[in-house]
Amino acid sequence: MPKRKPSQISRRQFLKYTAAGSMLAMSSAAGLRTLAEGSSSGNGPASKVILHSYDREATLPTQAVREAMLNATDLSWLKPGDSVFVKLASNSNLPAPSVTSPDVVEGVIRVLKDAGAGTVYVGDMSGAQFVQHLADETIGSTRENMRQNGLLAAAEAAGAEIHCFEEVPFAEAYVPGIPQIEHHWGDELQVAEILDRVDHIVNLPRLGKHVLAGATLGMKNAVGWISDHSRMVLHRDGATFQEKIVELNTIPQLADKMRLTLTLVDQALTTYGPDSGYHLPLTQPMILASEDVVSHDQVALLSLLWARTKTPQSALATDPYPAESNGLNWWFVRVYWGEEAAAGYQTLQAYDSLLTPDVPIHINLAWDSLRGGRPEAIEVISSGLAIDASLATSLTDNANFGIQLSEVTT
């Protein structure tokens, strides 16, 4: 493994961006007020998530995606000719659910194009163990990973433009990301420059466990936007790993442009993650879609924990989370970023239960930081086939989450 070199943006460049966005670099209280405005706070209206179930034998995935997407958003935000970035989770060359399901990609792109979108970009940058984008070399290829995991063919079939962040010349590839709340990143958050150029973002995560974060859903998918150096900082500073995921989601390029988070679940990655783990096929595939990424992730997390109840005990017994999470993260930092990074390592926290509302995982932290508190209710609106009965029970069992089930009305 070659020695990795920091890809830090200069202090002068950072200050230029900070001056231009000085109103965004605000105090914690002001930041919370800004992000909570107009959102579903503890005193506000219910948040909404579409849960669309379908019969894989009777319905094409593209049609199921279209129905779910149009139930979740009226697309009023999309003006003719607007550009859209469809953000995949293509962390590796492994097939779904280790990555975004290719079945969702074509459907989303076709809806966007039918609604008048201009350029639709599709892409990501794979994880550090697969792609290294350094100042003097690039090792590995997200495009090749997409070729192997099926996402490239799906995107190209629908006429999208493939955009992998490491394919941009290094000196132009990243811009500073400035969270809109008090944060732990300092000046070390760097994000893909295309975020400054596109009009809208559609977020397509997978439903999966994550050996460090607990789960990899919509907000965690934002890590794909950041530079190799910022990924090192995220992992090295294990003590604020969960907080940094939330803070990343407050940068204006994401917070102001994120229009929809949508996950097609024909399989769930119910152990380990983000790459290897147990693949649980769903008898009745479902699609989760919401204009609010936090609401999406809350329902997605409960759905993932439900899927784990369907997973063989033999597979669950080999899941290293949470007992081995800190050791694996330290190893990851040392192997991919070297002894200097490992010398500054901070202990990563992992938790026995992801079902407790006050456990400080990023999904729980996001309610306060991004939305000013939990909503009174999250309305899960079913469409297509009826929600699986055991899933419905899992979603509504814990009153702390305020899940209310309803059906799409026509």
Protein backbone atom coordinates (compact mmCIF):
# COMPACT_ATOMS: atom_id res chain seq x y z
CA MET A 1 0.00 0.00 0.00
CA PRO A 2 1.58 3.33 -1.06
CA LYS A 3 2.09 6.05 1.50
CA ARG A 4 -0.90 8.37 1.51
CA LYS A 5 -0.45 12.11 1.36
CA PRO A 6 -2.84 14.63 2.93
CA SER A 7 -5.05 16.36 0.37
CA GLN A 8 -5.68 19.47 2.44
CA ILE A 9 -7.03 22.61 0.84
CA SER A 10 -4.89 25.65 1.55
CA ARG A 11 -5.79 27.95 4.43
CA ARG A 12 -6.19 30.84 1.98
CA GLN A 13 -8.69 28.88 -0.11
CA PHE A 14 -10.60 27.85 2.99
CA LEU A 15 -10.81 31.45 4.20
CA LYS A 16 -12.04 32.57 0.78
CA TYR A 17 -14.94 30.15 1.00
CA THR A 18 -15.54 31.03 4.64
CA ALA A 19 -15.78 34.73 3.83
CA ALA A 20 -18.15 34.06 0.95
CA GLY A 21 -20.32 31.96 3.22
CA SER A 22 -19.82 33.80 6.50
CA MET A 23 -23.51 33.70 7.31
CA LEU A 24 -23.31 29.90 7.19
CA ALA A 25 -20.49 29.63 9.72
CA MET A 26 -22.73 30.52 12.64
CA SER A 27 -22.94 29.60 16.27
CA SER A 28 -24.54 26.35 17.32
CA ALA A 29 -27.81 27.93 18.46
CA ALA A 30 -28.18 30.03 15.34
CA GLY A 31 -27.33 27.04 13.18
CA LEU A 32 -30.01 24.95 14.84
CA ARG A 33 -32.59 27.66 14.29
CA THR A 34 -31.68 27.96 10.61
CA LEU A 35 -31.89 24.25 9.90
CA ALA A 36 -35.05 23.79 11.93
CA GLU A 37 -36.96 26.53 10.12
CA GLY A 38 -39.80 25.08 8.09
CA SER A 39 -38.97 21.52 9.15
CA SER A 40 -40.88 18.97 11.18
CA SER A 41 -39.73 19.86 14.69
CA GLY A 42 -41.10 18.52 17.94
CA ASN A 43 -43.97 21.02 17.71
CA GLY A 44 -44.45 20.77 13.97
CA PRO A 45 -46.47 18.66 11.57
CA ALA A 46 -45.80 14.98 10.95
CA SER A 47 -42.86 13.97 8.79
CA LYS A 48 -43.77 11.71 5.86
CA VAL A 49 -42.16 8.61 4.38
CA ILE A 50 -43.59 6.57 1.51
CA LEU A 51 -43.32 2.79 1.92
CA HIS A 52 -44.17 1.23 -1.42
CA SER A 53 -44.38 -2.56 -1.58
CA TYR A 54 -44.65 -4.53 -4.81
CA ASP A 55 -44.72 -8.00 -6.32
CA ARG A 56 -41.48 -8.62 -8.19
CA GLU A 57 -43.26 -11.10 -10.51
CA ALA A 58 -46.03 -8.69 -11.50
CA THR A 59 -44.35 -5.26 -11.42
CA LEU A 60 -41.19 -4.00 -13.05
CA PRO A 61 -38.82 -2.18 -10.67
CA THR A 62 -38.93 0.91 -12.91
CA GLN A 63 -42.70 1.13 -12.48
CA ALA A 64 -42.49 0.57 -8.71
CA VAL A 65 -39.84 3.28 -8.44
CA ARG A 66 -41.95 5.71 -10.48
CA GLU A 67 -44.98 5.16 -8.22
CA ALA A 68 -42.98 5.55 -5.02
CA MET A 69 -41.09 8.59 -6.25
CA LEU A 70 -44.19 10.45 -7.42
CA ASN A 71 -45.98 9.68 -4.19
CA ALA A 72 -43.03 11.13 -2.26
CA THR A 73 -42.49 14.34 -4.26
CA ASP A 74 -44.46 16.44 -6.73
CA LEU A 75 -41.19 17.45 -8.45
CA SER A 76 -42.16 21.13 -8.20
CA TRP A 77 -38.52 21.83 -7.35
CA LEU A 78 -37.38 20.65 -10.78
CA LYS A 79 -37.40 23.30 -13.50
CA PRO A 80 -36.84 22.47 -17.19
CA GLY A 81 -33.15 22.00 -17.89
CA ASP A 82 -32.09 21.76 -14.23
CA SER A 83 -29.18 19.45 -13.47
CA VAL A 84 -29.59 16.63 -10.97
CA PHE A 85 -26.95 14.50 -9.27
CA VAL A 86 -28.17 11.00 -8.43
CA LYS A 87 -25.88 9.97 -5.57
CA LEU A 88 -25.26 6.24 -5.42
CA ALA A 89 -23.69 4.12 -2.73
CA SER A 90 -21.05 2.41 -4.83
CA ASN A 91 -18.63 1.79 -2.00
CA SER A 92 -17.20 -1.37 -3.58
CA ASN A 93 -17.36 -3.67 -6.59
CA LEU A 94 -19.67 -6.05 -4.72
CA PRO A 95 -23.32 -6.51 -5.76
CA ALA A 96 -26.36 -5.05 -4.01
CA PRO A 97 -27.19 -4.76 -1.16
CA SER A 98 -23.51 -3.99 -0.53
CA VAL A 99 -24.20 -1.11 -2.93
CA THR A 100 -27.31 0.67 -4.23
CA SER A 101 -29.63 -1.70 -6.06
CA PRO A 102 -29.19 -1.23 -9.84
CA ASP A 103 -32.95 -1.78 -10.14
CA VAL A 104 -33.64 1.66 -8.65
CA VAL A 105 -31.32 3.66 -10.88
CA GLU A 106 -33.05 3.47 -14.25
CA GLY A 107 -36.47 4.25 -12.77
CA VAL A 108 -35.28 7.38 -10.98
CA ILE A 109 -33.41 8.72 -14.01
CA ARG A 110 -36.39 8.18 -16.30
CA VAL A 111 -38.74 10.03 -13.93
CA LEU A 112 -36.32 12.96 -13.78
CA LYS A 113 -35.89 13.11 -17.55
CA ASP A 114 -39.62 12.81 -18.18
CA ALA A 115 -40.11 15.77 -15.82
CA GLY A 116 -37.73 17.93 -17.86
CA ALA A 117 -34.36 17.52 -16.14
CA GLY A 118 -31.32 18.57 -18.09
CA THR A 119 -28.11 16.68 -17.33
CA VAL A 120 -28.60 13.84 -14.88
CA TYR A 121 -25.31 12.85 -13.30
CA VAL A 122 -24.87 9.50 -11.55
CA GLY A 123 -21.86 8.68 -9.43
CA ASP A 124 -19.88 8.35 -6.21
CA MET A 125 -16.34 7.71 -5.03
CA SER A 126 -15.75 4.25 -3.62
CA GLY A 127 -14.32 3.57 -0.17
CA ALA A 128 -10.66 3.98 0.72
CA GLN A 129 -9.96 0.26 0.43
CA PHE A 130 -11.05 0.42 -3.24
CA VAL A 131 -10.19 3.94 -4.44
CA GLN A 132 -7.45 6.37 -3.35
CA HIS A 133 -7.49 9.85 -4.86
CA LEU A 134 -4.21 11.47 -3.89
CA ALA A 135 -2.32 14.54 -5.05
CA ASP A 136 0.16 12.56 -7.11
CA GLU A 137 -1.81 9.47 -8.11
CA THR A 138 -5.20 7.82 -8.24
CA ILE A 139 -5.41 4.16 -7.31
CA GLY A 140 -8.50 2.17 -8.20
CA SER A 141 -11.62 3.21 -10.08
CA THR A 142 -15.20 3.86 -8.99
CA ARG A 143 -16.27 3.52 -12.60
CA GLU A 144 -14.78 0.03 -12.76
CA ASN A 145 -16.43 -0.85 -9.45
CA MET A 146 -19.73 0.35 -10.93
CA ARG A 147 -19.11 -1.80 -13.97
CA GLN A 148 -18.66 -4.87 -11.79
CA ASN A 149 -21.57 -4.23 -9.41
CA GLY A 150 -24.06 -3.44 -12.19
CA LEU A 151 -24.64 0.25 -11.47
CA LEU A 152 -22.77 1.51 -14.54
CA ALA A 153 -24.93 -0.41 -17.00
CA ALA A 154 -28.12 0.67 -15.25
CA ALA A 155 -27.16 4.35 -15.33
CA GLU A 156 -25.93 4.32 -18.91
CA ALA A 157 -29.07 2.50 -20.10
CA ALA A 158 -31.16 5.42 -18.84
CA GLY A 159 -28.94 8.05 -20.47
CA ALA A 160 -27.21 9.46 -17.40
CA GLU A 161 -23.76 11.03 -17.37
CA ILE A 162 -21.38 9.06 -15.14
CA HIS A 163 -19.40 11.26 -12.76
CA CYS A 164 -16.87 9.66 -10.42
CA PHE A 165 -15.23 12.18 -8.14
CA GLU A 166 -11.69 10.81 -8.43
CA GLU A 167 -11.79 11.30 -12.21
CA VAL A 168 -11.66 15.09 -11.75
CA PRO A 169 -8.04 16.37 -11.74
CA PHE A 170 -6.95 16.48 -8.12
CA ALA A 171 -6.30 20.22 -7.90
CA GLU A 172 -9.90 20.90 -8.99
CA ALA A 173 -11.67 17.95 -7.38
CA TYR A 174 -12.70 19.32 -3.97
CA VAL A 175 -14.03 22.47 -2.34
CA PRO A 176 -14.39 23.28 1.37
CA GLY A 177 -17.52 22.06 3.09
CA ILE A 178 -18.73 24.38 5.84
CA PRO A 179 -21.34 22.89 8.18
CA GLN A 180 -24.12 25.27 9.18
CA ILE A 181 -23.94 24.25 12.84
CA GLU A 182 -21.17 24.17 15.43
CA HIS A 183 -19.02 21.28 14.34
CA HIS A 184 -15.93 19.12 14.88
CA TRP A 185 -14.44 19.28 11.38
CA GLY A 186 -12.32 22.44 11.71
CA ASP A 187 -11.15 23.27 8.19
CA GLU A 188 -10.67 19.63 7.18
CA LEU A 189 -13.98 18.93 5.45
CA GLN A 190 -13.55 18.80 1.69
CA VAL A 191 -16.36 17.78 -0.67
CA ALA A 192 -16.68 17.00 -4.37
CA GLU A 193 -16.64 20.19 -6.43
CA ILE A 194 -19.67 19.13 -8.49
CA LEU A 195 -21.82 19.92 -5.46
CA ASP A 196 -21.27 23.60 -6.27
CA ARG A 197 -22.43 23.08 -9.88
CA VAL A 198 -25.58 20.95 -9.75
CA ASP A 199 -29.06 22.24 -9.00
CA HIS A 200 -30.49 19.23 -7.16
CA ILE A 201 -29.51 15.97 -5.46
CA VAL A 202 -31.42 12.70 -5.31
CA ASN A 203 -29.97 10.34 -2.74
CA LEU A 204 -30.04 6.56 -3.40
CA PRO A 205 -28.57 4.68 -0.43
CA ARG A 206 -28.89 0.97 0.43
CA LEU A 207 -30.40 -0.66 3.51
CA GLY A 208 -27.44 -2.08 5.39
CA LYS A 209 -25.58 -2.58 8.62
CA HIS A 210 -22.26 -0.80 9.06
CA VAL A 211 -19.57 -2.21 11.30
CA LEU A 212 -18.59 1.29 12.49
CA ALA A 213 -21.68 3.49 12.14
CA GLY A 214 -24.22 0.81 13.07
CA ALA A 215 -26.18 1.37 9.88
CA THR A 216 -25.49 2.80 6.42
CA LEU A 217 -28.55 4.64 5.16
CA GLY A 218 -29.29 8.07 3.69
CA MET A 219 -27.17 10.38 5.85
CA LYS A 220 -24.21 8.00 5.91
CA ASN A 221 -24.28 7.98 2.10
CA ALA A 222 -23.04 11.59 2.24
CA VAL A 223 -19.57 10.31 3.20
CA GLY A 224 -19.13 9.39 -0.44
CA TRP A 225 -18.93 13.11 -1.29
CA ILE A 226 -15.83 13.80 0.82
CA SER A 227 -12.15 13.68 -0.08
CA ASP A 228 -9.72 10.99 0.96
CA HIS A 229 -8.19 13.34 3.53
CA SER A 230 -11.59 14.09 5.06
CA ARG A 231 -12.35 10.37 5.20
CA MET A 232 -9.14 9.92 7.17
CA VAL A 233 -10.22 12.65 9.60
CA LEU A 234 -13.65 11.07 10.01
CA HIS A 235 -12.18 7.69 10.92
CA ARG A 236 -9.20 8.97 12.92
CA ASP A 237 -11.43 11.10 15.12
CA GLY A 238 -13.48 8.12 16.22
CA ALA A 239 -14.86 9.93 19.27
CA THR A 240 -16.85 12.29 17.00
CA PHE A 241 -17.51 9.86 14.14
CA GLN A 242 -21.30 9.94 14.57
CA GLU A 243 -21.43 13.71 15.06
CA LYS A 244 -19.35 14.34 11.94
CA ILE A 245 -21.81 12.39 9.79
CA VAL A 246 -24.61 14.69 10.96
CA GLU A 247 -22.49 17.82 10.52
CA LEU A 248 -21.57 16.81 6.97
CA ASN A 249 -25.27 16.73 6.10
CA THR A 250 -25.63 20.41 7.09
CA ILE A 251 -23.27 21.87 4.49
CA PRO A 252 -25.35 24.12 2.22
CA GLN A 253 -24.53 22.17 -0.93
CA LEU A 254 -26.34 19.19 0.59
CA ALA A 255 -28.87 20.74 2.95
CA ASP A 256 -30.12 23.21 0.34
CA LYS A 257 -30.12 20.85 -2.66
CA MET A 258 -31.25 17.48 -1.29
CA ARG A 259 -34.69 16.82 -2.77
CA LEU A 260 -35.35 13.13 -2.17
CA THR A 261 -33.87 10.10 -0.48
CA LEU A 262 -35.07 6.81 -1.91
CA THR A 263 -34.04 3.24 -1.09
CA LEU A 264 -35.15 0.18 -3.02
CA VAL A 265 -34.93 -2.87 -0.77
CA ASP A 266 -35.10 -6.18 -2.58
CA GLN A 267 -32.29 -7.39 -0.30
CA ALA A 268 -31.00 -6.04 3.00
CA LEU A 269 -27.42 -6.25 4.26
CA THR A 270 -28.22 -7.35 7.80
CA THR A 271 -24.77 -8.03 9.29
CA TYR A 272 -21.30 -6.49 9.17
CA GLY A 273 -21.29 -3.93 6.34
CA PRO A 274 -20.64 -1.75 4.52
CA ASP A 275 -19.28 -4.30 2.05
CA SER A 276 -19.48 -7.92 3.17
CA GLY A 277 -22.30 -9.34 5.28
CA TYR A 278 -25.47 -11.38 5.16
CA HIS A 279 -27.80 -10.72 2.21
CA LEU A 280 -31.42 -11.12 3.26
CA PRO A 281 -33.78 -11.33 0.26
CA LEU A 282 -37.22 -9.80 0.82
CA THR A 283 -40.16 -11.85 -0.34
CA GLN A 284 -41.99 -8.58 -0.93
CA PRO A 285 -39.58 -5.84 -2.09
CA MET A 286 -40.20 -2.34 -0.81
CA ILE A 287 -39.16 1.21 -1.55
CA LEU A 288 -38.69 3.87 1.13
CA ALA A 289 -38.88 7.46 -0.14
CA SER A 290 -38.99 10.83 1.59
CA GLU A 291 -38.10 14.44 0.96
CA ASP A 292 -36.63 14.45 4.47
CA VAL A 293 -33.48 12.36 4.85
CA VAL A 294 -33.79 12.13 8.65
CA SER A 295 -37.33 10.78 8.51
CA HIS A 296 -36.26 8.36 5.79
CA ASP A 297 -33.37 7.13 7.91
CA GLN A 298 -35.51 6.64 11.01
CA VAL A 299 -37.93 4.39 9.13
CA ALA A 300 -35.06 2.72 7.28
CA LEU A 301 -33.28 1.93 10.54
CA LEU A 302 -36.40 0.35 12.03
CA SER A 303 -36.82 -1.62 8.81
CA LEU A 304 -33.21 -2.81 9.00
CA LEU A 305 -33.65 -3.96 12.59
CA TRP A 306 -36.81 -5.80 11.50
CA ALA A 307 -34.80 -7.47 8.72
CA ARG A 308 -32.28 -8.62 11.30
CA THR A 309 -35.08 -10.54 13.06
CA LYS A 310 -35.44 -12.52 9.80
CA THR A 311 -31.70 -13.23 9.65
CA PRO A 312 -30.36 -16.63 10.79
CA GLN A 313 -28.86 -16.57 14.28
CA SER A 314 -25.70 -18.15 12.90
CA ALA A 315 -25.15 -15.06 10.74
CA LEU A 316 -26.00 -12.62 13.52
CA ALA A 317 -23.53 -14.38 15.82
CA THR A 318 -20.63 -13.53 13.50
CA ASP A 319 -21.47 -9.80 13.26
CA PRO A 320 -18.52 -7.90 14.79
CA TYR A 321 -20.63 -4.85 15.70
CA PRO A 322 -20.37 -3.48 18.37
CA ALA A 323 -17.69 -5.53 20.16
CA GLU A 324 -14.99 -5.21 17.48
CA SER A 325 -15.95 -1.86 15.93
CA ASN A 326 -13.27 0.26 17.61
CA GLY A 327 -10.50 -2.22 16.87
CA LEU A 328 -11.54 -2.50 13.23
CA ASN A 329 -11.64 1.28 12.84
CA TRP A 330 -8.16 1.66 14.37
CA TRP A 331 -6.88 -1.03 11.98
CA PHE A 332 -8.55 0.74 9.05
CA VAL A 333 -6.90 4.07 9.89
CA ARG A 334 -3.48 2.47 10.36
CA VAL A 335 -3.59 0.42 7.14
CA TYR A 336 -4.99 3.05 4.79
CA TRP A 337 -3.61 6.29 6.25
CA GLY A 338 -0.50 5.16 8.06
CA GLU A 339 1.18 5.37 11.46
CA GLU A 340 0.97 9.17 11.70
CA ALA A 341 -2.81 9.11 11.42
CA ALA A 342 -3.05 6.15 13.81
CA ALA A 343 -0.98 8.06 16.38
CA GLY A 344 -3.78 10.63 16.69
CA TYR A 345 -6.53 8.02 16.85
CA GLN A 346 -9.56 8.59 19.11
CA THR A 347 -11.72 5.75 20.40
CA LEU A 348 -14.81 4.97 18.33
CA GLN A 349 -18.03 4.40 20.27
CA ALA A 350 -20.42 1.63 19.23
CA TYR A 351 -23.66 0.68 20.91
CA ASP A 352 -25.39 -2.54 21.91
CA SER A 353 -28.80 -1.20 20.87
CA LEU A 354 -29.69 0.92 17.86
CA LEU A 355 -33.33 0.90 18.92
CA THR A 356 -32.98 3.33 21.83
CA PRO A 357 -33.92 6.93 20.90
CA ASP A 358 -31.29 8.55 23.12
CA VAL A 359 -28.30 6.45 22.01
CA PRO A 360 -25.99 8.96 20.25
CA ILE A 361 -25.93 7.38 16.81
CA HIS A 362 -26.10 9.83 13.93
CA ILE A 363 -29.79 9.22 13.21
CA ASN A 364 -30.76 10.17 16.76
CA LEU A 365 -28.36 13.12 16.86
CA ALA A 366 -29.74 14.46 13.59
CA TRP A 367 -33.19 15.14 14.99
CA ASP A 368 -31.85 17.88 17.25
CA SER A 369 -29.06 19.16 14.99
CA LEU A 370 -30.97 19.20 11.71
CA ARG A 371 -34.62 19.40 12.72
CA GLY A 372 -34.70 21.05 16.14
CA GLY A 373 -36.16 17.98 17.81
CA ARG A 374 -38.12 14.84 17.03
CA PRO A 375 -41.43 15.33 15.23
CA GLU A 376 -44.65 14.53 17.00
CA ALA A 377 -45.12 11.76 14.46
CA ILE A 378 -43.60 10.23 11.36
CA GLU A 379 -46.35 9.26 8.95
CA VAL A 380 -45.44 6.14 7.01
CA ILE A 381 -47.74 6.10 4.00
CA SER A 382 -48.11 2.74 2.30
CA SER A 383 -48.69 2.36 -1.41
CA GLY A 384 -48.78 -0.63 -3.71
CA LEU A 385 -49.21 -3.84 -1.74
CA ALA A 386 -50.05 -3.80 1.95
CA ILE A 387 -47.09 -3.48 4.32
CA ASP A 388 -45.81 -6.81 5.60
CA ALA A 389 -47.65 -7.40 8.87
CA SER A 390 -44.54 -8.13 10.93
CA LEU A 391 -42.80 -5.04 9.54
CA ALA A 392 -45.83 -2.92 10.41
CA THR A 393 -45.64 -4.21 13.97
CA SER A 394 -41.91 -3.46 14.19
CA LEU A 395 -42.42 0.09 12.93
CA THR A 396 -45.17 0.92 15.42
CA ASP A 397 -44.09 -1.13 18.45
CA ASN A 398 -42.00 1.61 20.06
CA ALA A 399 -44.06 4.71 20.81
CA ASN A 400 -40.87 6.77 21.22
CA PHE A 401 -40.49 6.91 17.44
CA GLY A 402 -44.04 8.08 16.77
CA ILE A 403 -44.57 5.99 13.63
CA GLN A 404 -48.11 6.27 12.31
CA LEU A 405 -49.26 4.09 9.41
CA SER A 406 -51.65 5.31 6.72
CA GLU A 407 -52.35 4.63 3.05
CA VAL A 408 -51.98 6.72 -0.07
CA THR A 409 -55.25 8.40 -0.94
CA THR A 410 -56.18 8.99 -4.55
